Amino acid sequence: MFTKTTFSALLALAPAALAIPAPQAEYFSAPGMPSDAPVPAPPVRSSQVTGVTTHGPFTGVPTTTGALMTTVLAASIPMLPPNPTATTYPSDGQLHDPQPAPYTPAGGLGTNGTEPVYNAKSDFDYESLALALYQEWIELDLFHHGLALFSAEEFEAAGLTAEDRFLIEFMADQEVGHSTLLSNILGAQAPVQCTYNYPFTTVRQFLDFCQKLTRFGESGVYGFLNHLDSREAGQLLLQSISTEARQQMIFRQFDGLFPMPVWFEVGIPQSWAWTLLAPFISSCPANQTRLAWQNFPALTVVNQPNPARINANRTTFGETVGNTGSAPLNETAVPAADQCFNSSVVGENCSPAISTNRSIPLSFPGREVFFSWENPGLPVGPNNSYVTSTAAGAPLFVAWVTQLNLTYSPLTITGPNSGSTFQPNTSTFAGDPAINGTMFVALTDANITLTPFNLSMINPHVVAGPALYQAG
């Protein structure tokens, strides 16, 4: 007799999502029935888009403005000392408490046999998961849209074969599952798919935009995952975001970048991810569930290293498409002789590949990096219904958020809403330069010490940003 537990069906639940029924084991024991007989699949929330969908900027008037809000108890959350019990466990390799069952050490969360309930258990949970769903929806649209927008000949000219294009299509299909999963966890008021406005006009810009968008989507989840009250929902989200991590690496390969140049992946606060995501959402349905997260003023890296160059250190000002914090590269701004995908030299060529090891790095310690930023109070996001804001003072530092590190460098003001700094020379551990890959920078009014688990405490000090920095 063959037994199979169908878990995915449990997530196709009633909109309230107050509880998930106990798993039902399905038994295949009928005479002559093969053990691999198909099990009816639960429905998905999103359709499989195959054509070009509607895109463009929002041109109407917002009917609601500002983030979702209720009574605010304080201007910020105070920084407190460690919990007194945080360092009491001896950590000596021995067992110190009775084991609840054989081969089961004492401790852990959600390990006492209680039946799991996969729902949001707090406002923090709901708003975090809703933000993740906004991200899944745009990825679903983005991947399909790129495939529909550009011809097979344009993809071939950029070095992507039919097999590569099918991989992008499959990644879009993955987003169907991710959006369905989160929609079912959140229930009837879960955010739905919106209309989007993308900056790219070529295949290479599309690929670079995808690797940047999946970077802040992945990092945005890492920033809140271990803070969720719902450990059950966190488990499912972990299994979803692990897939997105693979997507980000694949788009780096398609972009001609080294696939994984870091030892650790970085996490960022929800408001950072929302600041980067919101500019690309044109409009949403009038009754769309709104978010409570902050939109910071936009920050632009004016001399963003251009991966389309053989030598990115020759990047001039404005070699991106647009001025958003995650604007894609602009290969058309690079002379043909300097374009890395036109070179046949090993170490210079940046055509799509499993791995690309450049002789000249995209950035280096001591590189002068120039910034420009917006003032607060500007409309942004769905229906222009959110407003950028900051509680910080004058910008004094550049915060470099990468891998496990938060590093500051002094900001030199060079003009109105413009400044520069020098790329720091810092490492996570010996042999791992911290500033690498697709990472994050922001302007702050203070250089407070924070770590990956409490990085959101930086938000009251953010003047503008974040922006992505293409360090490697």
Protein backbone atom coordinates (compact mmCIF):
# COMPACT_ATOMS: atom_id res chain seq x y z
CA MET A 1 0.00 0.00 0.00
CA PHE A 2 1.33 3.41 -0.96
CA THR A 3 0.67 6.40 1.33
CA LYS A 4 1.02 10.02 0.30
CA THR A 5 0.34 13.11 2.43
CA THR A 6 -0.87 16.03 0.33
CA PHE A 7 0.21 19.25 1.98
CA SER A 8 -0.34 21.72 -0.83
CA ALA A 9 -4.07 21.03 -0.72
CA LEU A 10 -4.12 22.24 2.86
CA LEU A 11 -3.14 25.71 1.69
CA ALA A 12 -6.08 26.01 -0.69
CA LEU A 13 -8.16 26.96 2.30
CA ALA A 14 -11.02 29.23 3.21
CA PRO A 15 -10.12 32.91 2.98
CA ALA A 16 -10.19 33.46 6.74
CA ALA A 17 -7.22 31.08 7.17
CA LEU A 18 -7.87 30.78 10.90
CA ALA A 19 -6.63 27.24 10.96
CA ILE A 20 -5.51 24.57 8.58
CA PRO A 21 -7.19 21.17 8.80
CA ALA A 22 -5.16 18.21 9.89
CA PRO A 23 -3.17 16.61 7.07
CA GLN A 24 -5.09 13.89 5.29
CA ALA A 25 -3.20 10.81 4.16
CA GLU A 26 -4.25 9.52 0.76
CA TYR A 27 -4.06 5.77 0.25
CA PHE A 28 -3.59 4.15 -3.12
CA SER A 29 -4.50 0.52 -2.60
CA ALA A 30 -7.10 -0.26 -5.26
CA PRO A 31 -6.24 -3.42 -7.21
CA GLY A 32 -4.40 -2.57 -10.38
CA MET A 33 -3.93 1.12 -9.48
CA PRO A 34 -0.33 2.21 -9.99
CA SER A 35 1.41 3.84 -7.05
CA ASP A 36 2.11 6.94 -9.14
CA ALA A 37 -1.54 7.65 -9.94
CA PRO A 38 -2.04 11.46 -10.08
CA VAL A 39 -3.52 13.27 -7.10
CA PRO A 40 -5.88 16.18 -7.91
CA ALA A 41 -3.88 19.39 -7.60
CA PRO A 42 -5.18 22.38 -5.63
CA PRO A 43 -5.98 25.49 -7.69
CA VAL A 44 -3.63 28.45 -8.08
CA ARG A 45 -4.53 32.09 -7.52
CA SER A 46 -2.85 33.49 -10.62
CA SER A 47 -3.24 32.78 -14.31
CA GLN A 48 -0.45 31.67 -16.60
CA VAL A 49 0.19 34.84 -18.60
CA THR A 50 1.49 34.25 -22.11
CA GLY A 51 1.03 37.60 -23.90
CA VAL A 52 2.13 41.17 -23.33
CA THR A 53 0.25 42.64 -20.35
CA THR A 54 -0.65 46.26 -19.70
CA HIS A 55 2.20 48.42 -18.43
CA GLY A 56 2.97 52.09 -18.00
CA PRO A 57 3.01 54.92 -15.47
CA PHE A 58 0.02 55.94 -13.36
CA THR A 59 -1.67 59.09 -14.65
CA GLY A 60 -4.68 59.46 -12.34
CA VAL A 61 -5.27 61.03 -8.96
CA PRO A 62 -4.83 58.92 -5.80
CA THR A 63 -7.91 58.52 -3.63
CA THR A 64 -5.85 57.55 -0.57
CA THR A 65 -2.37 58.63 0.45
CA GLY A 66 0.13 57.40 3.00
CA ALA A 67 1.03 54.09 4.56
CA LEU A 68 -1.47 52.01 6.51
CA MET A 69 -1.44 53.30 10.09
CA THR A 70 -3.13 53.03 13.47
CA THR A 71 -2.23 54.53 16.88
CA VAL A 72 1.53 55.12 17.05
CA LEU A 73 2.94 54.65 20.56
CA ALA A 74 6.43 56.14 20.11
CA ALA A 75 8.62 57.88 17.55
CA SER A 76 10.99 54.90 17.46
CA ILE A 77 11.74 51.63 19.22
CA PRO A 78 14.39 52.09 21.93
CA MET A 79 17.60 50.10 21.82
CA LEU A 80 17.77 47.78 24.83
CA PRO A 81 20.48 45.56 26.32
CA PRO A 82 20.45 41.80 25.63
CA ASN A 83 17.88 39.60 27.33
CA PRO A 84 19.39 38.45 30.68
CA THR A 85 18.95 34.79 29.68
CA ALA A 86 20.56 35.21 26.26
CA THR A 87 23.97 34.00 27.44
CA THR A 88 23.07 31.49 30.15
CA TYR A 89 23.20 28.32 28.03
CA PRO A 90 26.64 26.74 28.60
CA SER A 91 27.14 25.66 24.96
CA ASP A 92 29.58 22.90 25.95
CA GLY A 93 28.36 20.09 23.72
CA GLN A 94 26.50 18.27 26.52
CA LEU A 95 22.78 17.79 27.15
CA HIS A 96 21.46 19.83 30.09
CA ASP A 97 17.72 19.08 30.17
CA PRO A 98 15.61 15.91 29.95
CA GLN A 99 14.85 14.85 26.41
CA PRO A 100 11.13 15.04 25.48
CA ALA A 101 11.51 11.96 23.24
CA PRO A 102 14.27 9.64 22.05
CA TYR A 103 16.88 11.33 19.89
CA THR A 104 15.24 14.70 20.58
CA PRO A 105 17.13 17.33 22.58
CA ALA A 106 15.11 19.75 24.72
CA GLY A 107 14.26 23.17 23.35
CA GLY A 108 13.29 24.66 20.04
CA LEU A 109 10.15 26.50 18.95
CA GLY A 110 7.14 24.62 17.62
CA THR A 111 8.60 21.28 18.66
CA ASN A 112 6.09 20.24 21.36
CA GLY A 113 3.76 18.38 19.03
CA THR A 114 1.19 21.14 18.64
CA GLU A 115 -0.53 20.97 15.26
CA PRO A 116 0.81 23.78 13.04
CA VAL A 117 -1.48 26.55 11.83
CA TYR A 118 -0.18 28.34 8.75
CA ASN A 119 -1.51 31.86 9.14
CA ALA A 120 -0.49 35.37 10.19
CA LYS A 121 -0.43 35.73 13.97
CA SER A 122 0.22 39.47 14.31
CA ASP A 123 0.14 42.74 12.38
CA PHE A 124 3.88 42.29 11.89
CA ASP A 125 3.27 38.91 10.28
CA TYR A 126 0.50 40.11 7.99
CA GLU A 127 2.32 43.22 6.78
CA SER A 128 5.56 41.31 6.21
CA LEU A 129 3.87 38.50 4.30
CA ALA A 130 1.80 41.01 2.30
CA LEU A 131 5.01 42.78 1.28
CA ALA A 132 6.45 39.45 0.17
CA LEU A 133 3.29 38.84 -1.87
CA TYR A 134 3.62 42.22 -3.60
CA GLN A 135 7.12 41.05 -4.57
CA GLU A 136 5.94 37.68 -5.87
CA TRP A 137 3.26 39.33 -8.00
CA ILE A 138 5.71 41.67 -9.73
CA GLU A 139 8.13 38.83 -10.42
CA LEU A 140 5.35 36.77 -11.97
CA ASP A 141 4.49 39.66 -14.26
CA LEU A 142 8.09 40.70 -14.94
CA PHE A 143 9.38 37.32 -16.10
CA HIS A 144 6.39 36.72 -18.38
CA HIS A 145 6.53 40.29 -19.69
CA GLY A 146 10.18 40.08 -20.69
CA LEU A 147 9.58 36.86 -22.60
CA ALA A 148 6.59 38.38 -24.41
CA LEU A 149 8.22 41.75 -25.08
CA PHE A 150 11.41 40.60 -26.80
CA SER A 151 11.69 38.32 -29.81
CA ALA A 152 13.57 35.05 -29.96
CA GLU A 153 16.10 36.80 -32.20
CA GLU A 154 16.69 39.52 -29.59
CA PHE A 155 17.28 36.91 -26.88
CA GLU A 156 19.62 34.97 -29.17
CA ALA A 157 21.59 38.15 -29.87
CA ALA A 158 21.99 38.59 -26.10
CA GLY A 159 23.31 35.03 -25.81
CA LEU A 160 20.19 33.27 -24.49
CA THR A 161 19.00 30.12 -26.24
CA ALA A 162 15.53 28.58 -26.32
CA GLU A 163 16.53 26.49 -23.30
CA ASP A 164 17.50 29.65 -21.41
CA ARG A 165 14.20 31.29 -22.27
CA PHE A 166 12.33 28.24 -21.04
CA LEU A 167 14.18 28.56 -17.74
CA ILE A 168 12.88 32.13 -17.40
CA GLU A 169 9.40 30.82 -18.23
CA PHE A 170 9.73 28.16 -15.54
CA MET A 171 10.85 30.79 -13.02
CA ALA A 172 7.67 32.71 -13.85
CA ASP A 173 5.69 29.54 -13.21
CA GLN A 174 7.41 29.23 -9.84
CA GLU A 175 5.97 32.63 -8.95
CA VAL A 176 2.48 31.23 -9.55
CA GLY A 177 3.11 28.82 -6.69
CA HIS A 178 4.71 31.47 -4.48
CA SER A 179 1.85 33.96 -4.95
CA THR A 180 -0.72 31.24 -4.37
CA LEU A 181 1.01 30.11 -1.19
CA LEU A 182 1.15 33.58 0.35
CA SER A 183 -2.36 34.48 -0.81
CA ASN A 184 -3.75 31.41 0.92
CA ILE A 185 -1.85 32.16 4.12
CA LEU A 186 -3.09 35.76 4.19
CA GLY A 187 -6.70 35.05 3.26
CA ALA A 188 -9.38 37.05 1.49
CA GLN A 189 -7.71 40.47 1.82
CA ALA A 190 -4.39 39.33 0.40
CA PRO A 191 -2.96 41.85 -2.11
CA VAL A 192 -3.67 41.02 -5.74
CA GLN A 193 -1.62 41.56 -8.88
CA CYS A 194 -1.21 45.17 -10.02
CA THR A 195 -0.08 47.08 -13.10
CA TYR A 196 3.65 47.75 -13.40
CA ASN A 197 6.03 50.16 -15.09
CA TYR A 198 9.47 48.85 -16.03
CA PRO A 199 12.50 50.87 -17.18
CA PHE A 200 14.14 48.38 -19.56
CA THR A 201 14.00 48.49 -23.36
CA THR A 202 16.55 45.77 -24.27
CA VAL A 203 17.14 42.17 -23.30
CA ARG A 204 20.33 42.97 -21.40
CA GLN A 205 18.56 45.68 -19.42
CA PHE A 206 15.75 43.22 -18.68
CA LEU A 207 18.20 40.63 -17.35
CA ASP A 208 20.03 43.17 -15.20
CA PHE A 209 16.76 44.51 -13.83
CA CYS A 210 15.68 40.95 -12.95
CA GLN A 211 18.89 40.22 -11.04
CA LYS A 212 18.48 43.46 -9.10
CA LEU A 213 14.77 43.04 -8.37
CA THR A 214 15.25 39.46 -7.16
CA ARG A 215 18.16 40.69 -5.01
CA PHE A 216 16.05 43.07 -2.95
CA GLY A 217 13.12 40.65 -2.98
CA GLU A 218 15.26 37.89 -1.51
CA SER A 219 17.04 40.17 0.94
CA GLY A 220 13.76 41.75 2.04
CA VAL A 221 12.51 38.38 3.26
CA TYR A 222 15.76 37.49 5.01
CA GLY A 223 15.40 40.70 6.99
CA PHE A 224 12.12 39.72 8.66
CA LEU A 225 11.90 35.93 8.38
CA ASN A 226 13.21 35.14 11.86
CA HIS A 227 11.11 37.89 13.44
CA LEU A 228 7.77 36.38 12.39
CA ASP A 229 5.41 35.34 15.18
CA SER A 230 4.12 32.63 12.87
CA ARG A 231 6.88 30.07 12.76
CA GLU A 232 4.66 27.94 10.55
CA ALA A 233 4.27 30.63 7.89
CA GLY A 234 7.98 31.36 8.20
CA GLN A 235 8.78 27.75 7.35
CA LEU A 236 6.80 27.91 4.11
CA LEU A 237 8.22 31.30 3.21
CA LEU A 238 11.73 29.98 3.76
CA GLN A 239 11.07 27.21 1.26
CA SER A 240 9.78 29.80 -1.19
CA ILE A 241 12.58 32.34 -0.80
CA SER A 242 15.19 29.61 -1.19
CA THR A 243 13.86 29.22 -4.72
CA GLU A 244 14.14 32.96 -5.31
CA ALA A 245 17.77 32.83 -4.23
CA ARG A 246 18.36 30.41 -7.08
CA GLN A 247 16.55 32.76 -9.45
CA GLN A 248 18.78 35.65 -8.45
CA MET A 249 21.90 33.61 -9.11
CA ILE A 250 20.59 32.49 -12.50
CA PHE A 251 19.90 36.07 -13.55
CA ARG A 252 23.43 36.99 -12.48
CA GLN A 253 24.69 34.22 -14.79
CA PHE A 254 22.51 35.52 -17.62
CA ASP A 255 23.86 39.01 -16.87
CA GLY A 256 27.46 37.85 -17.32
CA LEU A 257 28.27 38.26 -13.63
CA PHE A 258 30.04 35.82 -11.31
CA PRO A 259 27.12 33.75 -9.96
CA MET A 260 27.77 34.00 -6.22
CA PRO A 261 30.63 36.28 -5.17
CA VAL A 262 29.76 36.37 -1.45
CA TRP A 263 29.96 33.99 1.48
CA PHE A 264 26.68 35.21 3.02
CA GLU A 265 23.50 36.70 1.59
CA VAL A 266 22.38 40.02 3.03
CA GLY A 267 19.07 40.82 4.72
CA ILE A 268 17.38 44.24 4.73
CA PRO A 269 14.39 45.75 6.59
CA GLN A 270 10.91 45.67 5.08
CA SER A 271 10.84 49.44 4.50
CA TRP A 272 14.03 49.15 2.45
CA ALA A 273 12.52 46.49 0.21
CA TRP A 274 9.28 48.49 -0.14
CA THR A 275 11.24 51.64 -1.02
CA LEU A 276 12.93 49.78 -3.87
CA LEU A 277 9.82 47.94 -5.06
CA ALA A 278 7.15 50.65 -4.94
CA PRO A 279 8.42 52.85 -7.83
CA PHE A 280 7.71 50.05 -10.31
CA ILE A 281 4.07 49.52 -9.26
CA SER A 282 1.90 51.83 -11.35
CA SER A 283 -1.57 51.08 -10.04
CA CYS A 284 -3.53 48.53 -8.07
CA PRO A 285 -7.28 47.89 -7.72
CA ALA A 286 -9.11 50.47 -5.64
CA ASN A 287 -9.72 48.07 -2.76
CA GLN A 288 -6.15 46.76 -2.69
CA THR A 289 -4.75 45.95 0.76
CA ARG A 290 -2.28 48.68 1.69
CA LEU A 291 1.05 48.33 3.47
CA ALA A 292 2.33 49.92 6.69
CA TRP A 293 5.97 50.15 5.62
CA GLN A 294 7.84 53.40 5.03
CA ASN A 295 8.92 54.74 1.64
CA PHE A 296 12.23 56.57 2.00
CA PRO A 297 13.36 59.28 -0.44
CA ALA A 298 14.99 57.78 -3.51
CA LEU A 299 18.78 57.46 -3.64
CA THR A 300 20.74 57.09 -6.87
CA VAL A 301 24.32 55.87 -7.35
CA VAL A 302 25.30 58.32 -10.07
CA ASN A 303 28.38 56.38 -11.20
CA GLN A 304 26.91 52.91 -10.71
CA PRO A 305 29.46 50.32 -11.95
CA ASN A 306 28.25 49.19 -15.38
CA PRO A 307 28.59 45.41 -15.88
CA ALA A 308 28.32 45.93 -19.64
CA ARG A 309 31.82 47.44 -19.67
CA ILE A 310 35.07 45.52 -19.99
CA ASN A 311 36.42 47.92 -17.40
CA ALA A 312 33.58 49.10 -15.14
CA ASN A 313 35.99 51.53 -13.46
CA ARG A 314 35.55 53.69 -16.56
CA THR A 315 31.83 54.03 -15.88
CA THR A 316 30.69 57.61 -16.34
CA PHE A 317 27.77 59.35 -14.69
CA GLY A 318 24.31 58.15 -15.63
CA GLU A 319 25.02 54.74 -17.18
CA THR A 320 21.74 53.31 -15.90
CA VAL A 321 18.21 53.40 -17.28
CA GLY A 322 16.43 55.81 -14.95
CA ASN A 323 17.30 57.20 -11.53
CA THR A 324 15.71 54.67 -9.20
CA GLY A 325 17.68 52.81 -6.57
CA SER A 326 17.61 49.64 -8.66
CA ALA A 327 17.87 51.07 -12.17
CA PRO A 328 19.28 48.54 -14.66
CA LEU A 329 22.50 48.98 -16.60
CA ASN A 330 22.47 50.87 -19.88
CA GLU A 331 24.67 49.06 -22.37
CA THR A 332 23.80 51.57 -25.09
CA ALA A 333 25.78 54.20 -23.18
CA VAL A 334 28.98 52.16 -23.67
CA PRO A 335 31.03 52.41 -26.90
CA ALA A 336 31.02 49.13 -28.81
CA ALA A 337 34.76 48.65 -28.31
CA ASP A 338 34.29 48.83 -24.54
CA GLN A 339 31.31 46.44 -24.30
CA CYS A 340 32.36 43.24 -22.61
CA PHE A 341 29.96 41.01 -24.57
CA ASN A 342 31.74 42.06 -27.78
CA SER A 343 35.10 40.85 -26.47
CA SER A 344 36.39 37.33 -27.12
CA VAL A 345 39.13 37.65 -24.50
CA VAL A 346 38.85 35.38 -21.47
CA GLY A 347 38.36 37.56 -18.41
CA GLU A 348 36.73 40.30 -20.48
CA ASN A 349 33.78 38.60 -22.14
CA CYS A 350 30.54 38.82 -20.18
CA SER A 351 28.16 36.74 -22.25
CA PRO A 352 25.71 34.53 -20.34
CA ALA A 353 27.61 31.63 -18.80
CA ILE A 354 27.62 29.26 -15.85
CA SER A 355 30.43 31.35 -14.41
CA THR A 356 32.20 34.51 -15.50
CA ASN A 357 35.40 35.56 -13.77
CA ARG A 358 36.36 39.09 -14.77
CA SER A 359 39.98 40.17 -14.87
CA ILE A 360 38.95 43.70 -13.86
CA PRO A 361 36.52 43.85 -10.91
CA LEU A 362 33.42 46.05 -11.09
CA SER A 363 34.49 48.02 -8.02
CA PHE A 364 37.36 48.27 -5.55
CA PRO A 365 38.15 49.69 -2.09
CA GLY A 366 38.88 53.39 -2.35
CA ARG A 367 36.65 53.93 -5.39
CA GLU A 368 34.88 57.29 -5.17
CA VAL A 369 31.12 56.77 -5.35
CA PHE A 370 28.79 59.64 -6.17
CA PHE A 371 25.17 59.97 -5.04
CA SER A 372 22.12 62.07 -5.64
CA TRP A 373 18.91 61.89 -3.68
CA GLU A 374 15.38 63.23 -3.56
CA ASN A 375 13.69 65.31 -0.90
CA PRO A 376 10.91 63.66 1.13
CA GLY A 377 7.24 64.26 0.45
CA LEU A 378 7.03 62.89 -3.10
CA PRO A 379 4.27 60.51 -4.28
CA VAL A 380 5.36 56.99 -5.13
CA GLY A 381 4.06 53.48 -5.55
CA PRO A 382 0.63 52.14 -6.49
CA ASN A 383 -1.60 54.95 -7.80
CA ASN A 384 0.98 57.43 -6.47
CA SER A 385 -0.76 56.85 -3.15
CA TYR A 386 2.27 56.51 -0.90
CA VAL A 387 4.48 59.42 0.15
CA THR A 388 8.22 59.32 0.79
CA SER A 389 9.33 60.38 4.26
CA THR A 390 12.26 60.45 6.65
CA ALA A 391 12.64 61.15 10.36
CA ALA A 392 16.40 61.64 10.08
CA GLY A 393 18.48 64.79 10.18
CA ALA A 394 21.11 65.93 7.70
CA PRO A 395 23.00 63.17 5.83
CA LEU A 396 26.42 62.48 7.33
CA PHE A 397 27.26 58.87 6.46
CA VAL A 398 26.86 56.22 3.79
CA ALA A 399 25.74 52.90 5.24
CA TRP A 400 27.06 49.89 3.31
CA VAL A 401 24.87 46.85 4.01
CA THR A 402 26.34 43.65 2.66
CA GLN A 403 26.61 40.02 3.77
CA LEU A 404 26.83 40.16 7.61
CA ASN A 405 28.24 43.66 7.76
CA LEU A 406 27.02 47.19 8.30
CA THR A 407 29.86 49.59 7.52
CA TYR A 408 29.79 53.38 7.44
CA SER A 409 31.85 55.83 5.44
CA PRO A 410 31.69 59.63 5.75
CA LEU A 411 29.58 61.47 3.19
CA THR A 412 31.04 64.58 1.57
CA ILE A 413 28.38 67.00 0.38
CA THR A 414 29.20 68.18 -3.15
CA GLY A 415 26.05 70.18 -3.91
CA PRO A 416 22.29 70.28 -3.31
CA ASN A 417 21.12 66.71 -2.68
CA SER A 418 24.40 65.31 -3.96
CA GLY A 419 27.53 63.92 -2.36
CA SER A 420 30.27 61.33 -2.53
CA THR A 421 32.21 58.87 -0.43
CA PHE A 422 34.94 56.27 -0.87
CA GLN A 423 34.19 52.57 -0.97
CA PRO A 424 35.40 51.01 2.32
CA ASN A 425 37.86 48.15 2.60
CA THR A 426 36.16 45.70 4.94
CA SER A 427 35.71 41.93 5.24
CA THR A 428 33.33 39.51 6.90
CA PHE A 429 36.16 37.09 7.66
CA ALA A 430 39.68 36.91 6.31
CA GLY A 431 39.49 36.10 2.62
CA ASP A 432 35.96 37.44 2.06
CA PRO A 433 35.74 41.10 1.04
CA ALA A 434 32.40 42.22 2.43
CA ILE A 435 31.56 44.70 -0.33
CA ASN A 436 30.80 42.46 -3.28
CA GLY A 437 27.89 41.28 -5.37
CA THR A 438 24.66 43.24 -5.61
CA MET A 439 24.43 45.01 -2.26
CA PHE A 440 22.80 48.00 -0.56
CA VAL A 441 23.76 51.56 0.37
CA ALA A 442 21.80 54.26 2.19
CA LEU A 443 22.44 57.74 3.57
CA THR A 444 22.14 58.16 7.34
CA ASP A 445 22.47 60.89 9.95
CA ALA A 446 24.35 58.64 12.42
CA ASN A 447 26.68 55.64 12.41
CA ILE A 448 25.00 53.45 15.04
CA THR A 449 26.25 49.90 15.53
CA LEU A 450 23.76 47.25 14.39
CA THR A 451 23.83 43.61 13.34
CA PRO A 452 21.74 41.53 10.89
CA PHE A 453 19.06 40.68 13.49
CA ASN A 454 18.32 44.28 14.52
CA LEU A 455 19.16 46.13 11.30
CA SER A 456 15.66 47.68 11.14
CA MET A 457 16.75 49.93 14.04
CA ILE A 458 18.57 51.96 11.40
CA ASN A 459 15.31 53.18 9.84
CA PRO A 460 14.87 56.34 11.98
CA HIS A 461 18.34 57.41 10.82
CA VAL A 462 17.86 56.85 7.06
CA VAL A 463 17.88 60.11 5.10
CA ALA A 464 17.54 58.52 1.66
CA GLY A 465 17.77 55.09 0.11
CA PRO A 466 18.50 52.36 -0.06
CA ALA A 467 19.97 51.98 -3.49
CA LEU A 468 21.56 48.87 -4.91
CA TYR A 469 25.31 49.06 -5.50
CA GLN A 470 26.76 46.76 -8.15
CA ALA A 471 29.98 46.02 -6.31
CA GLY A 472 30.67 42.73 -8.11
